[in-house]
N, C-alpha and C. Protein backbone atom coordinates (compact mmCIF):
# COMPACT_ATOMS: atom_id res chain seq x y z
N MET A 1 71.95 -49.65 53.76
CA MET A 1 71.38 -48.61 52.89
C MET A 1 70.26 -49.21 52.06
N PRO A 2 69.17 -48.46 51.80
CA PRO A 2 68.09 -48.98 50.98
C PRO A 2 68.54 -49.17 49.55
N ASP A 3 67.90 -50.11 48.88
CA ASP A 3 68.23 -50.36 47.48
C ASP A 3 67.91 -49.15 46.64
N ARG A 4 68.77 -48.89 45.68
CA ARG A 4 68.53 -47.78 44.77
C ARG A 4 67.39 -48.15 43.83
N PRO A 5 66.48 -47.21 43.51
CA PRO A 5 65.40 -47.53 42.59
C PRO A 5 65.93 -47.87 41.22
N LYS A 6 65.24 -48.76 40.56
CA LYS A 6 65.66 -49.16 39.22
C LYS A 6 65.54 -47.99 38.26
N SER A 7 66.42 -47.96 37.30
CA SER A 7 66.36 -46.91 36.29
C SER A 7 65.19 -47.16 35.35
N LEU A 8 64.75 -46.13 34.69
CA LEU A 8 63.65 -46.25 33.74
C LEU A 8 64.03 -47.25 32.65
N ARG A 9 65.28 -47.22 32.21
CA ARG A 9 65.72 -48.14 31.16
C ARG A 9 65.60 -49.58 31.62
N ALA A 10 66.00 -49.87 32.87
CA ALA A 10 65.94 -51.23 33.39
C ALA A 10 64.51 -51.72 33.52
N LEU A 11 63.58 -50.82 33.81
CA LEU A 11 62.19 -51.22 33.98
C LEU A 11 61.49 -51.40 32.65
N VAL A 12 61.81 -50.56 31.69
CA VAL A 12 61.14 -50.63 30.39
C VAL A 12 61.72 -51.74 29.52
N ARG A 13 62.99 -52.06 29.74
CA ARG A 13 63.68 -53.02 28.87
C ARG A 13 62.95 -54.35 28.73
N PRO A 14 62.42 -54.98 29.83
CA PRO A 14 61.72 -56.26 29.65
C PRO A 14 60.52 -56.17 28.74
N ALA A 15 59.75 -55.08 28.84
CA ALA A 15 58.58 -54.94 27.97
C ALA A 15 58.99 -54.77 26.52
N LEU A 16 59.99 -53.92 26.28
CA LEU A 16 60.43 -53.70 24.90
C LEU A 16 61.08 -54.94 24.33
N SER A 17 61.85 -55.66 25.17
CA SER A 17 62.49 -56.88 24.70
C SER A 17 61.47 -57.93 24.33
N GLY A 18 60.46 -58.11 25.19
CA GLY A 18 59.42 -59.09 24.89
C GLY A 18 58.63 -58.71 23.68
N LEU A 19 58.32 -57.42 23.54
CA LEU A 19 57.56 -56.95 22.39
C LEU A 19 58.37 -57.14 21.11
N LEU A 20 59.67 -56.83 21.16
CA LEU A 20 60.51 -56.99 19.98
C LEU A 20 60.58 -58.46 19.56
N ARG A 21 60.74 -59.35 20.53
CA ARG A 21 60.77 -60.78 20.21
C ARG A 21 59.47 -61.22 19.57
N SER A 22 58.35 -60.70 20.08
CA SER A 22 57.05 -61.06 19.52
C SER A 22 56.88 -60.52 18.11
N VAL A 23 57.34 -59.28 17.89
CA VAL A 23 57.26 -58.70 16.55
C VAL A 23 58.06 -59.53 15.57
N LEU A 24 59.29 -59.87 15.95
CA LEU A 24 60.13 -60.67 15.07
C LEU A 24 59.53 -62.05 14.84
N ALA A 25 58.96 -62.65 15.89
CA ALA A 25 58.34 -63.96 15.73
C ALA A 25 57.13 -63.88 14.81
N GLY A 26 56.33 -62.82 14.98
CA GLY A 26 55.16 -62.67 14.12
C GLY A 26 55.54 -62.48 12.67
N LEU A 27 56.55 -61.64 12.43
CA LEU A 27 57.00 -61.42 11.06
C LEU A 27 57.59 -62.69 10.47
N LEU A 28 58.29 -63.48 11.31
CA LEU A 28 58.86 -64.73 10.83
C LEU A 28 57.76 -65.71 10.45
N VAL A 29 56.70 -65.76 11.26
CA VAL A 29 55.57 -66.64 10.93
C VAL A 29 54.96 -66.26 9.60
N LEU A 30 54.75 -64.97 9.41
CA LEU A 30 54.17 -64.51 8.15
C LEU A 30 55.10 -64.81 6.97
N LEU A 31 56.41 -64.62 7.19
CA LEU A 31 57.38 -64.87 6.12
C LEU A 31 57.41 -66.34 5.74
N LEU A 32 57.46 -67.21 6.75
CA LEU A 32 57.51 -68.63 6.47
C LEU A 32 56.22 -69.12 5.82
N ALA A 33 55.10 -68.59 6.31
CA ALA A 33 53.83 -69.03 5.75
C ALA A 33 53.65 -68.59 4.31
N SER A 34 54.26 -67.46 3.97
CA SER A 34 54.10 -66.94 2.61
C SER A 34 55.21 -67.41 1.66
N ARG A 35 56.16 -68.20 2.19
CA ARG A 35 57.27 -68.65 1.36
C ARG A 35 56.76 -69.51 0.20
N GLY A 36 57.26 -69.23 -0.96
CA GLY A 36 56.84 -69.99 -2.14
C GLY A 36 55.68 -69.35 -2.89
N TYR A 37 55.09 -68.29 -2.33
CA TYR A 37 54.00 -67.60 -3.00
C TYR A 37 54.47 -66.26 -3.55
N ALA A 38 54.22 -66.02 -4.78
CA ALA A 38 54.50 -64.71 -5.35
C ALA A 38 53.44 -63.73 -4.85
N LEU A 39 53.74 -62.43 -4.96
CA LEU A 39 52.81 -61.42 -4.47
C LEU A 39 51.45 -61.53 -5.12
N GLU A 40 51.43 -61.89 -6.42
CA GLU A 40 50.15 -61.98 -7.10
C GLU A 40 49.35 -63.20 -6.66
N GLN A 41 49.97 -64.10 -5.86
CA GLN A 41 49.27 -65.28 -5.36
C GLN A 41 48.75 -65.10 -3.94
N VAL A 42 48.90 -63.87 -3.42
CA VAL A 42 48.50 -63.59 -2.05
C VAL A 42 47.70 -62.29 -2.00
N ASP A 43 46.58 -62.29 -1.30
CA ASP A 43 45.86 -61.06 -0.99
C ASP A 43 46.43 -60.49 0.30
N ALA A 44 47.13 -59.35 0.22
CA ALA A 44 47.76 -58.74 1.39
C ALA A 44 46.97 -57.52 1.84
N GLU A 45 46.92 -57.31 3.15
CA GLU A 45 46.20 -56.18 3.72
C GLU A 45 47.05 -55.50 4.80
N LEU A 46 46.89 -54.19 4.91
CA LEU A 46 47.52 -53.41 5.97
C LEU A 46 46.48 -52.43 6.49
N SER A 47 46.32 -52.35 7.80
CA SER A 47 45.28 -51.49 8.36
C SER A 47 45.70 -50.87 9.68
N LEU A 48 45.10 -49.73 9.99
CA LEU A 48 45.28 -49.02 11.25
C LEU A 48 43.93 -48.87 11.92
N TYR A 49 43.91 -48.85 13.27
CA TYR A 49 42.61 -48.74 13.94
C TYR A 49 42.74 -48.10 15.31
N VAL A 50 41.60 -47.63 15.80
CA VAL A 50 41.47 -47.16 17.18
C VAL A 50 40.55 -48.13 17.90
N LEU A 51 40.71 -48.22 19.22
CA LEU A 51 39.93 -49.21 19.97
C LEU A 51 39.48 -48.66 21.31
N GLY A 52 38.44 -49.30 21.83
CA GLY A 52 37.99 -49.07 23.18
C GLY A 52 38.11 -50.37 23.96
N ALA A 53 38.71 -50.31 25.17
CA ALA A 53 38.93 -51.50 25.99
C ALA A 53 37.94 -51.52 27.15
N PHE A 54 37.30 -52.69 27.37
CA PHE A 54 36.32 -52.86 28.44
C PHE A 54 36.67 -54.11 29.24
N PRO A 55 37.60 -53.97 30.23
CA PRO A 55 38.05 -55.13 31.00
C PRO A 55 36.99 -55.60 32.00
N ARG A 56 37.11 -56.88 32.38
CA ARG A 56 36.27 -57.45 33.41
C ARG A 56 36.86 -57.10 34.78
N ASP A 57 35.99 -56.89 35.77
CA ASP A 57 36.44 -56.53 37.12
C ASP A 57 36.82 -57.77 37.92
N ASN A 58 37.90 -58.46 37.51
CA ASN A 58 38.43 -59.57 38.29
C ASN A 58 39.24 -59.03 39.47
N ASP A 59 39.14 -59.70 40.63
CA ASP A 59 39.87 -59.25 41.81
C ASP A 59 41.37 -59.48 41.64
N VAL A 60 42.17 -58.48 42.00
CA VAL A 60 43.61 -58.68 42.03
C VAL A 60 43.97 -59.48 43.26
N VAL A 61 45.14 -60.12 43.23
CA VAL A 61 45.66 -60.88 44.37
C VAL A 61 46.90 -60.16 44.87
N LEU A 62 46.85 -59.70 46.12
CA LEU A 62 47.95 -58.96 46.73
C LEU A 62 48.52 -59.80 47.87
N ASN A 63 49.79 -60.20 47.76
CA ASN A 63 50.45 -61.04 48.76
C ASN A 63 49.62 -62.29 49.08
N GLY A 64 49.05 -62.89 48.03
CA GLY A 64 48.30 -64.14 48.20
C GLY A 64 46.86 -63.97 48.62
N VAL A 65 46.39 -62.74 48.78
CA VAL A 65 45.02 -62.48 49.24
C VAL A 65 44.23 -61.76 48.15
N SER A 66 43.07 -62.31 47.78
CA SER A 66 42.21 -61.67 46.79
C SER A 66 41.61 -60.40 47.38
N GLN A 67 41.65 -59.34 46.60
CA GLN A 67 41.13 -58.05 47.06
C GLN A 67 39.73 -57.83 46.48
N VAL A 68 38.74 -58.13 47.30
CA VAL A 68 37.36 -58.03 46.86
C VAL A 68 37.00 -56.56 46.59
N GLY A 69 36.27 -56.34 45.52
CA GLY A 69 35.88 -54.99 45.15
C GLY A 69 36.80 -54.33 44.16
N THR A 70 37.66 -55.12 43.53
CA THR A 70 38.59 -54.57 42.53
C THR A 70 37.82 -54.06 41.31
N THR A 71 38.22 -52.90 40.84
CA THR A 71 37.70 -52.34 39.59
C THR A 71 38.85 -52.22 38.59
N VAL A 72 38.66 -52.82 37.42
CA VAL A 72 39.66 -52.73 36.35
C VAL A 72 39.03 -51.93 35.22
N SER A 73 39.49 -50.71 35.04
CA SER A 73 38.92 -49.84 34.00
C SER A 73 39.79 -49.87 32.76
N GLY A 74 39.16 -49.63 31.63
CA GLY A 74 39.87 -49.61 30.36
C GLY A 74 40.08 -48.19 29.86
N GLY A 75 40.34 -48.09 28.58
CA GLY A 75 40.57 -46.79 27.98
C GLY A 75 40.61 -46.93 26.48
N VAL A 76 41.01 -45.86 25.82
CA VAL A 76 41.13 -45.89 24.37
C VAL A 76 42.57 -46.25 24.00
N GLY A 77 42.73 -46.78 22.80
CA GLY A 77 44.05 -47.16 22.32
C GLY A 77 44.08 -47.22 20.81
N ALA A 78 45.13 -47.81 20.28
CA ALA A 78 45.29 -47.89 18.83
C ALA A 78 46.13 -49.11 18.48
N GLY A 79 46.11 -49.48 17.19
CA GLY A 79 46.88 -50.62 16.75
C GLY A 79 47.01 -50.67 15.24
N PHE A 80 47.77 -51.64 14.77
CA PHE A 80 47.88 -51.86 13.33
C PHE A 80 47.90 -53.35 13.04
N LYS A 81 47.54 -53.72 11.81
CA LYS A 81 47.49 -55.12 11.38
C LYS A 81 48.18 -55.27 10.03
N ALA A 82 48.79 -56.43 9.83
CA ALA A 82 49.32 -56.81 8.53
C ALA A 82 48.96 -58.27 8.32
N GLY A 83 48.27 -58.57 7.23
CA GLY A 83 47.82 -59.94 7.02
C GLY A 83 47.85 -60.33 5.56
N PHE A 84 47.72 -61.63 5.31
CA PHE A 84 47.67 -62.11 3.94
C PHE A 84 46.79 -63.36 3.86
N TYR A 85 46.19 -63.56 2.67
CA TYR A 85 45.32 -64.69 2.38
C TYR A 85 45.81 -65.35 1.10
N PRO A 86 46.45 -66.51 1.18
CA PRO A 86 46.93 -67.19 -0.03
C PRO A 86 45.77 -67.56 -0.96
N LYS A 87 45.92 -67.23 -2.22
CA LYS A 87 44.87 -67.52 -3.18
C LYS A 87 44.72 -69.01 -3.43
N VAL A 88 45.77 -69.78 -3.11
CA VAL A 88 45.68 -71.22 -3.28
C VAL A 88 44.63 -71.81 -2.34
N LEU A 89 44.32 -71.09 -1.26
CA LEU A 89 43.26 -71.49 -0.33
C LEU A 89 41.95 -70.79 -0.63
N GLY A 90 41.88 -70.22 -1.82
CA GLY A 90 40.66 -69.52 -2.23
C GLY A 90 40.52 -68.15 -1.63
N GLY A 91 41.54 -67.67 -0.90
CA GLY A 91 41.46 -66.36 -0.27
C GLY A 91 40.56 -66.34 0.96
N PHE A 92 40.15 -67.52 1.43
CA PHE A 92 39.23 -67.60 2.56
C PHE A 92 39.96 -67.75 3.90
N VAL A 93 41.18 -68.29 3.89
CA VAL A 93 41.93 -68.54 5.12
C VAL A 93 43.25 -67.77 5.07
N GLY A 94 43.61 -67.13 6.17
CA GLY A 94 44.84 -66.36 6.16
C GLY A 94 45.44 -66.18 7.54
N LEU A 95 46.61 -65.55 7.57
CA LEU A 95 47.30 -65.19 8.80
C LEU A 95 47.40 -63.68 8.90
N GLU A 96 47.38 -63.20 10.15
CA GLU A 96 47.44 -61.76 10.38
C GLU A 96 48.32 -61.50 11.60
N TYR A 97 49.16 -60.49 11.51
CA TYR A 97 49.97 -60.06 12.65
C TYR A 97 49.51 -58.67 13.06
N GLU A 98 49.33 -58.47 14.37
CA GLU A 98 48.88 -57.15 14.85
C GLU A 98 49.55 -56.79 16.16
N VAL A 99 49.68 -55.49 16.37
CA VAL A 99 50.17 -54.91 17.61
C VAL A 99 49.20 -53.83 18.04
N TYR A 100 48.77 -53.86 19.30
CA TYR A 100 47.87 -52.81 19.79
C TYR A 100 48.10 -52.58 21.28
N GLY A 101 47.69 -51.42 21.74
CA GLY A 101 47.87 -51.08 23.14
C GLY A 101 46.87 -50.05 23.60
N HIS A 102 46.73 -49.93 24.92
CA HIS A 102 45.78 -48.97 25.50
C HIS A 102 46.11 -48.76 26.97
N GLY A 103 45.51 -47.76 27.57
CA GLY A 103 45.69 -47.48 28.99
C GLY A 103 44.52 -47.99 29.81
N GLY A 104 44.63 -47.84 31.13
CA GLY A 104 43.58 -48.26 32.04
C GLY A 104 44.00 -48.00 33.48
N GLU A 105 43.23 -48.56 34.41
CA GLU A 105 43.52 -48.35 35.83
C GLU A 105 42.96 -49.51 36.64
N ILE A 106 43.66 -49.85 37.72
CA ILE A 106 43.20 -50.84 38.69
C ILE A 106 43.02 -50.15 40.03
N THR A 107 41.86 -50.30 40.65
CA THR A 107 41.60 -49.74 41.98
C THR A 107 40.92 -50.79 42.85
N PHE A 108 41.20 -50.76 44.14
CA PHE A 108 40.54 -51.67 45.07
C PHE A 108 40.66 -51.13 46.49
N PRO A 109 39.65 -51.39 47.34
CA PRO A 109 39.73 -50.96 48.74
C PRO A 109 40.68 -51.86 49.51
N LEU A 110 41.58 -51.25 50.30
CA LEU A 110 42.58 -52.00 51.03
C LEU A 110 42.58 -51.56 52.49
N ALA A 111 42.42 -52.54 53.40
CA ALA A 111 42.40 -52.24 54.83
C ALA A 111 43.80 -51.83 55.29
N THR A 112 43.87 -50.75 56.05
CA THR A 112 45.14 -50.28 56.61
C THR A 112 45.05 -50.29 58.13
N GLY A 113 46.08 -49.80 58.79
CA GLY A 113 46.09 -49.78 60.25
C GLY A 113 44.92 -48.99 60.82
N GLY A 114 44.39 -49.48 61.95
CA GLY A 114 43.28 -48.79 62.59
C GLY A 114 41.93 -49.14 62.00
N GLY A 115 41.91 -50.13 61.07
CA GLY A 115 40.64 -50.56 60.50
C GLY A 115 40.10 -49.66 59.41
N SER A 116 40.87 -48.66 59.01
CA SER A 116 40.41 -47.77 57.94
C SER A 116 40.70 -48.39 56.58
N LEU A 117 40.02 -47.88 55.56
CA LEU A 117 40.19 -48.36 54.20
C LEU A 117 40.90 -47.32 53.35
N HIS A 118 41.81 -47.79 52.53
CA HIS A 118 42.52 -46.92 51.60
C HIS A 118 42.19 -47.38 50.19
N GLN A 119 41.91 -46.45 49.31
CA GLN A 119 41.61 -46.79 47.92
C GLN A 119 42.93 -46.96 47.17
N ALA A 120 43.43 -48.20 47.13
CA ALA A 120 44.67 -48.47 46.43
C ALA A 120 44.44 -48.37 44.93
N SER A 121 45.45 -47.94 44.19
CA SER A 121 45.27 -47.74 42.75
C SER A 121 46.60 -47.83 42.02
N THR A 122 46.52 -48.13 40.75
CA THR A 122 47.69 -48.10 39.87
C THR A 122 47.21 -47.96 38.43
N ASP A 123 47.94 -47.20 37.65
CA ASP A 123 47.67 -47.13 36.22
C ASP A 123 48.16 -48.41 35.55
N LEU A 124 47.42 -48.86 34.54
CA LEU A 124 47.77 -50.07 33.82
C LEU A 124 47.81 -49.79 32.33
N THR A 125 48.93 -50.11 31.70
CA THR A 125 49.05 -50.03 30.25
C THR A 125 49.23 -51.44 29.71
N VAL A 126 48.42 -51.79 28.70
CA VAL A 126 48.47 -53.12 28.09
C VAL A 126 48.96 -52.98 26.65
N ILE A 127 49.99 -53.75 26.30
CA ILE A 127 50.52 -53.79 24.93
C ILE A 127 50.54 -55.25 24.47
N ASN A 128 49.88 -55.53 23.38
CA ASN A 128 49.78 -56.90 22.86
C ASN A 128 50.33 -57.00 21.45
N SER A 129 51.04 -58.08 21.18
CA SER A 129 51.46 -58.40 19.81
C SER A 129 50.99 -59.83 19.54
N MET A 130 50.13 -59.99 18.53
CA MET A 130 49.42 -61.25 18.32
C MET A 130 49.53 -61.72 16.87
N VAL A 131 49.48 -63.05 16.71
CA VAL A 131 49.36 -63.68 15.40
C VAL A 131 48.00 -64.35 15.35
N ASN A 132 47.18 -63.98 14.36
CA ASN A 132 45.81 -64.47 14.25
C ASN A 132 45.65 -65.41 13.06
N LEU A 133 44.89 -66.47 13.26
CA LEU A 133 44.46 -67.34 12.17
C LEU A 133 43.02 -66.95 11.86
N LEU A 134 42.77 -66.51 10.60
CA LEU A 134 41.47 -65.95 10.24
C LEU A 134 40.80 -66.74 9.12
N VAL A 135 39.48 -66.72 9.17
CA VAL A 135 38.65 -67.23 8.09
C VAL A 135 37.72 -66.09 7.68
N ARG A 136 37.59 -65.84 6.38
CA ARG A 136 36.75 -64.73 5.92
C ARG A 136 35.82 -65.19 4.78
N TYR A 137 34.79 -64.38 4.58
CA TYR A 137 33.87 -64.67 3.48
C TYR A 137 33.51 -63.36 2.78
N PRO A 138 34.13 -63.10 1.63
CA PRO A 138 33.79 -61.89 0.86
C PRO A 138 32.39 -62.04 0.25
N TRP A 139 31.59 -60.98 0.40
CA TRP A 139 30.24 -61.02 -0.14
C TRP A 139 29.88 -59.62 -0.63
N ALA A 140 29.94 -59.45 -1.95
CA ALA A 140 29.64 -58.15 -2.57
C ALA A 140 30.53 -57.06 -1.94
N VAL A 141 29.90 -56.04 -1.37
CA VAL A 141 30.64 -54.91 -0.80
C VAL A 141 31.26 -55.27 0.55
N PHE A 142 30.70 -56.26 1.22
CA PHE A 142 31.12 -56.58 2.58
C PHE A 142 31.92 -57.88 2.66
N THR A 143 32.80 -57.94 3.66
CA THR A 143 33.56 -59.15 3.96
C THR A 143 33.44 -59.45 5.45
N PHE A 144 32.94 -60.63 5.75
CA PHE A 144 32.83 -61.07 7.14
C PHE A 144 34.04 -61.93 7.49
N TYR A 145 34.55 -61.80 8.72
CA TYR A 145 35.71 -62.59 9.11
C TYR A 145 35.69 -62.89 10.61
N GLY A 146 36.42 -63.93 10.98
CA GLY A 146 36.56 -64.30 12.39
C GLY A 146 37.78 -65.16 12.57
N GLY A 147 38.22 -65.31 13.81
CA GLY A 147 39.40 -66.13 14.03
C GLY A 147 39.86 -66.15 15.48
N VAL A 148 41.04 -66.74 15.67
CA VAL A 148 41.67 -66.85 16.99
C VAL A 148 43.11 -66.38 16.86
N GLY A 149 43.67 -65.92 17.98
CA GLY A 149 45.05 -65.44 17.97
C GLY A 149 45.77 -65.74 19.25
N VAL A 150 47.09 -65.84 19.17
CA VAL A 150 47.95 -66.04 20.34
C VAL A 150 49.15 -65.11 20.21
N GLY A 151 49.79 -64.82 21.34
CA GLY A 151 50.95 -63.95 21.27
C GLY A 151 51.45 -63.49 22.61
N HIS A 152 52.16 -62.37 22.60
CA HIS A 152 52.82 -61.81 23.77
C HIS A 152 52.06 -60.59 24.28
N SER A 153 51.89 -60.52 25.61
CA SER A 153 51.24 -59.38 26.23
C SER A 153 52.12 -58.81 27.33
N SER A 154 52.11 -57.49 27.46
CA SER A 154 52.83 -56.82 28.54
C SER A 154 51.84 -55.98 29.34
N GLY A 155 51.76 -56.24 30.64
CA GLY A 155 50.97 -55.41 31.55
C GLY A 155 51.91 -54.51 32.32
N ILE A 156 51.82 -53.21 32.12
CA ILE A 156 52.78 -52.26 32.68
C ILE A 156 52.09 -51.39 33.73
N LEU A 157 52.60 -51.43 34.97
CA LEU A 157 52.07 -50.62 36.06
C LEU A 157 52.87 -49.33 36.19
N SER A 158 52.17 -48.24 36.52
CA SER A 158 52.83 -46.95 36.77
C SER A 158 51.93 -46.14 37.70
N GLY A 159 52.52 -45.16 38.37
CA GLY A 159 51.74 -44.33 39.29
C GLY A 159 51.05 -45.15 40.36
N THR A 160 51.77 -46.16 40.90
CA THR A 160 51.16 -47.12 41.83
C THR A 160 51.10 -46.57 43.25
N ASP A 161 49.92 -46.75 43.90
CA ASP A 161 49.72 -46.36 45.29
C ASP A 161 49.03 -47.51 46.01
N ILE A 162 49.84 -48.48 46.51
CA ILE A 162 49.31 -49.65 47.20
C ILE A 162 50.07 -49.79 48.52
N PRO A 163 49.49 -49.36 49.65
CA PRO A 163 50.17 -49.45 50.94
C PRO A 163 50.56 -50.89 51.28
N GLY A 164 51.75 -51.05 51.89
CA GLY A 164 52.21 -52.36 52.28
C GLY A 164 52.93 -53.11 51.19
N ARG A 165 53.05 -52.50 50.03
CA ARG A 165 53.74 -53.14 48.91
C ARG A 165 54.89 -52.23 48.49
N GLN A 166 56.00 -52.85 48.10
CA GLN A 166 57.15 -52.08 47.65
C GLN A 166 56.91 -51.63 46.21
N ASP A 167 56.20 -50.52 46.07
CA ASP A 167 55.85 -50.04 44.74
C ASP A 167 57.08 -49.56 43.99
N GLN A 168 57.07 -49.80 42.68
CA GLN A 168 58.13 -49.34 41.82
C GLN A 168 57.58 -48.26 40.88
N GLY A 169 58.47 -47.42 40.38
CA GLY A 169 58.01 -46.36 39.50
C GLY A 169 57.35 -46.89 38.25
N LEU A 170 57.87 -48.00 37.73
CA LEU A 170 57.33 -48.61 36.52
C LEU A 170 57.65 -50.09 36.60
N GLU A 171 56.64 -50.93 36.38
CA GLU A 171 56.84 -52.37 36.53
C GLU A 171 56.11 -53.12 35.41
N THR A 172 56.80 -54.06 34.79
CA THR A 172 56.26 -54.78 33.64
C THR A 172 56.09 -56.26 33.94
N ALA A 173 54.95 -56.82 33.52
CA ALA A 173 54.70 -58.25 33.63
C ALA A 173 54.48 -58.82 32.23
N PRO A 174 55.48 -59.50 31.66
CA PRO A 174 55.28 -60.14 30.36
C PRO A 174 54.47 -61.42 30.55
N ALA A 175 53.60 -61.74 29.59
CA ALA A 175 52.73 -62.90 29.72
C ALA A 175 52.26 -63.39 28.36
N PHE A 176 51.80 -64.63 28.33
CA PHE A 176 51.15 -65.19 27.15
C PHE A 176 49.72 -64.68 27.09
N GLY A 177 49.24 -64.42 25.88
CA GLY A 177 47.87 -63.97 25.71
C GLY A 177 47.19 -64.68 24.55
N TYR A 178 45.87 -64.78 24.61
CA TYR A 178 45.11 -65.33 23.48
C TYR A 178 43.83 -64.53 23.29
N GLN A 179 43.26 -64.62 22.10
CA GLN A 179 42.07 -63.84 21.80
C GLN A 179 41.19 -64.53 20.76
N PHE A 180 39.91 -64.14 20.79
CA PHE A 180 38.93 -64.53 19.78
C PHE A 180 38.39 -63.25 19.17
N LEU A 181 38.17 -63.25 17.88
CA LEU A 181 37.75 -62.00 17.24
C LEU A 181 36.82 -62.26 16.05
N GLY A 182 36.06 -61.24 15.72
CA GLY A 182 35.19 -61.28 14.56
C GLY A 182 34.89 -59.88 14.10
N GLY A 183 34.70 -59.70 12.79
CA GLY A 183 34.47 -58.36 12.30
C GLY A 183 33.85 -58.30 10.92
N LEU A 184 33.71 -57.08 10.45
CA LEU A 184 33.08 -56.81 9.16
C LEU A 184 33.85 -55.71 8.44
N GLN A 185 34.22 -55.97 7.19
CA GLN A 185 34.85 -54.97 6.33
C GLN A 185 33.83 -54.46 5.32
N ALA A 186 33.93 -53.17 5.00
CA ALA A 186 33.09 -52.57 3.96
C ALA A 186 34.00 -51.86 2.97
N ASN A 187 33.88 -52.20 1.70
CA ASN A 187 34.75 -51.64 0.67
C ASN A 187 34.40 -50.19 0.36
N VAL A 188 35.42 -49.32 0.41
CA VAL A 188 35.28 -47.95 -0.04
C VAL A 188 35.64 -47.86 -1.52
N SER A 189 36.65 -48.63 -1.91
CA SER A 189 37.07 -48.75 -3.31
C SER A 189 37.63 -50.15 -3.49
N GLU A 190 38.24 -50.39 -4.64
CA GLU A 190 38.79 -51.72 -4.88
C GLU A 190 39.91 -52.06 -3.89
N ARG A 191 40.65 -51.05 -3.45
CA ARG A 191 41.78 -51.29 -2.56
C ARG A 191 41.54 -50.85 -1.12
N VAL A 192 40.69 -49.87 -0.90
CA VAL A 192 40.51 -49.27 0.43
C VAL A 192 39.24 -49.81 1.08
N PHE A 193 39.31 -50.08 2.37
CA PHE A 193 38.13 -50.54 3.11
C PHE A 193 38.14 -49.97 4.52
N VAL A 194 36.97 -49.91 5.11
CA VAL A 194 36.82 -49.59 6.53
C VAL A 194 36.33 -50.85 7.22
N PHE A 195 36.54 -50.94 8.52
CA PHE A 195 36.13 -52.15 9.21
C PHE A 195 35.79 -51.87 10.67
N ALA A 196 34.98 -52.75 11.23
CA ALA A 196 34.64 -52.74 12.65
C ALA A 196 34.86 -54.15 13.17
N GLU A 197 35.30 -54.26 14.42
CA GLU A 197 35.67 -55.57 14.94
C GLU A 197 35.43 -55.65 16.44
N TYR A 198 35.10 -56.86 16.88
CA TYR A 198 35.02 -57.16 18.31
C TYR A 198 36.04 -58.25 18.62
N LYS A 199 36.69 -58.15 19.79
CA LYS A 199 37.60 -59.21 20.20
C LYS A 199 37.53 -59.40 21.71
N TYR A 200 37.75 -60.65 22.12
CA TYR A 200 37.85 -61.00 23.54
C TYR A 200 39.28 -61.43 23.80
N PHE A 201 39.92 -60.83 24.80
CA PHE A 201 41.33 -61.08 25.09
C PHE A 201 41.51 -61.59 26.50
N SER A 202 42.49 -62.49 26.69
CA SER A 202 42.77 -63.06 28.01
C SER A 202 44.27 -63.18 28.23
N SER A 203 44.72 -62.79 29.44
CA SER A 203 46.11 -62.96 29.83
C SER A 203 46.18 -62.90 31.36
N ASN A 204 47.24 -63.45 31.94
CA ASN A 204 47.44 -63.43 33.39
C ASN A 204 48.74 -62.71 33.71
N TYR A 205 48.65 -61.60 34.46
CA TYR A 205 49.82 -60.80 34.79
C TYR A 205 50.28 -61.07 36.23
N HIS A 206 51.60 -61.16 36.41
CA HIS A 206 52.18 -61.38 37.74
C HIS A 206 53.29 -60.36 37.97
N TRP A 207 52.97 -59.36 38.80
CA TRP A 207 53.95 -58.37 39.19
C TRP A 207 54.50 -58.72 40.57
N GLN A 208 55.32 -57.85 41.13
CA GLN A 208 55.85 -58.07 42.47
C GLN A 208 54.71 -57.99 43.49
N GLU A 209 54.43 -59.13 44.15
CA GLU A 209 53.42 -59.23 45.21
C GLU A 209 52.00 -58.97 44.71
N LEU A 210 51.80 -58.86 43.40
CA LEU A 210 50.48 -58.51 42.86
C LEU A 210 50.25 -59.28 41.56
N SER A 211 49.03 -59.80 41.39
CA SER A 211 48.71 -60.51 40.15
C SER A 211 47.26 -60.24 39.76
N LEU A 212 46.96 -60.45 38.47
CA LEU A 212 45.63 -60.19 37.94
C LEU A 212 45.36 -61.10 36.76
N ASP A 213 44.23 -61.79 36.80
CA ASP A 213 43.74 -62.52 35.63
C ASP A 213 42.99 -61.50 34.76
N TYR A 214 43.66 -61.03 33.71
CA TYR A 214 43.12 -59.95 32.90
C TYR A 214 42.24 -60.51 31.78
N ARG A 215 40.99 -60.06 31.75
CA ARG A 215 40.05 -60.44 30.71
C ARG A 215 39.40 -59.15 30.19
N ALA A 216 39.34 -59.00 28.88
CA ALA A 216 38.83 -57.74 28.34
C ALA A 216 38.09 -57.95 27.03
N ASN A 217 37.07 -57.13 26.82
CA ASN A 217 36.39 -57.02 25.54
C ASN A 217 36.90 -55.77 24.84
N TYR A 218 37.11 -55.88 23.53
CA TYR A 218 37.58 -54.75 22.74
C TYR A 218 36.61 -54.49 21.58
N VAL A 219 36.35 -53.24 21.35
CA VAL A 219 35.59 -52.81 20.17
C VAL A 219 36.48 -51.84 19.41
N LEU A 220 36.67 -52.11 18.13
CA LEU A 220 37.60 -51.28 17.37
C LEU A 220 37.08 -50.99 15.97
N SER A 221 37.63 -49.93 15.39
CA SER A 221 37.25 -49.51 14.05
C SER A 221 38.46 -48.88 13.39
N GLY A 222 38.58 -49.11 12.06
CA GLY A 222 39.74 -48.58 11.39
C GLY A 222 39.64 -48.53 9.88
N LEU A 223 40.77 -48.24 9.28
CA LEU A 223 40.87 -48.07 7.82
C LEU A 223 42.00 -48.96 7.32
N GLY A 224 41.75 -49.66 6.20
CA GLY A 224 42.75 -50.56 5.67
C GLY A 224 42.92 -50.43 4.17
N MET A 225 43.99 -51.08 3.67
CA MET A 225 44.28 -51.06 2.24
C MET A 225 44.73 -52.45 1.80
N ARG A 226 44.30 -52.86 0.61
CA ARG A 226 44.70 -54.14 0.02
C ARG A 226 45.79 -53.90 -1.02
N PHE A 227 46.68 -54.89 -1.16
CA PHE A 227 47.78 -54.78 -2.12
C PHE A 227 47.76 -55.95 -3.07
């Protein structure tokens, strides 16, 4: 008898488990880093944002063979950040924890029987939880900042149509990810600010019989508050 398809809970559980571990790890990093500092000794920020994802068209590898002509499309998404800057460091260096996600699609031409080509495709959802080390420079109304981040990434496939592969209804590939980022904040008031940011993200996903070196540029904008 053929194997029964995995339940939705069994397929989603690895992504949620990895994300939960990353959230807890990120919060633990922030907690440990802020230990010994009273609230008045730390500049804390919380912000929400929307983003646009622009992935690079790297070829996917199917059963060990690179599929030339792969297109990796992005989409819109959203995220949130929580960060702090210890005043003992002059408020110039800080840590930030963020979670963000977005949709997308992978398509590539695949040769089938009889020499014909089939446009293989799958929807791709990316969810990242990252811890960033930031350096900033407040200047009048504006604050410039930049940094690097590492963390957990989940590449989730759904609606997959790839002939010759045992497609699953939903499949998750947990992976390590890193990013570089830079942005600009503009003060609306003493506590409220708006910001725009660019980031470059990298991760490598390995699903069943399919893998992708995922590289993406992100442009995002949002609203934040200082405490």
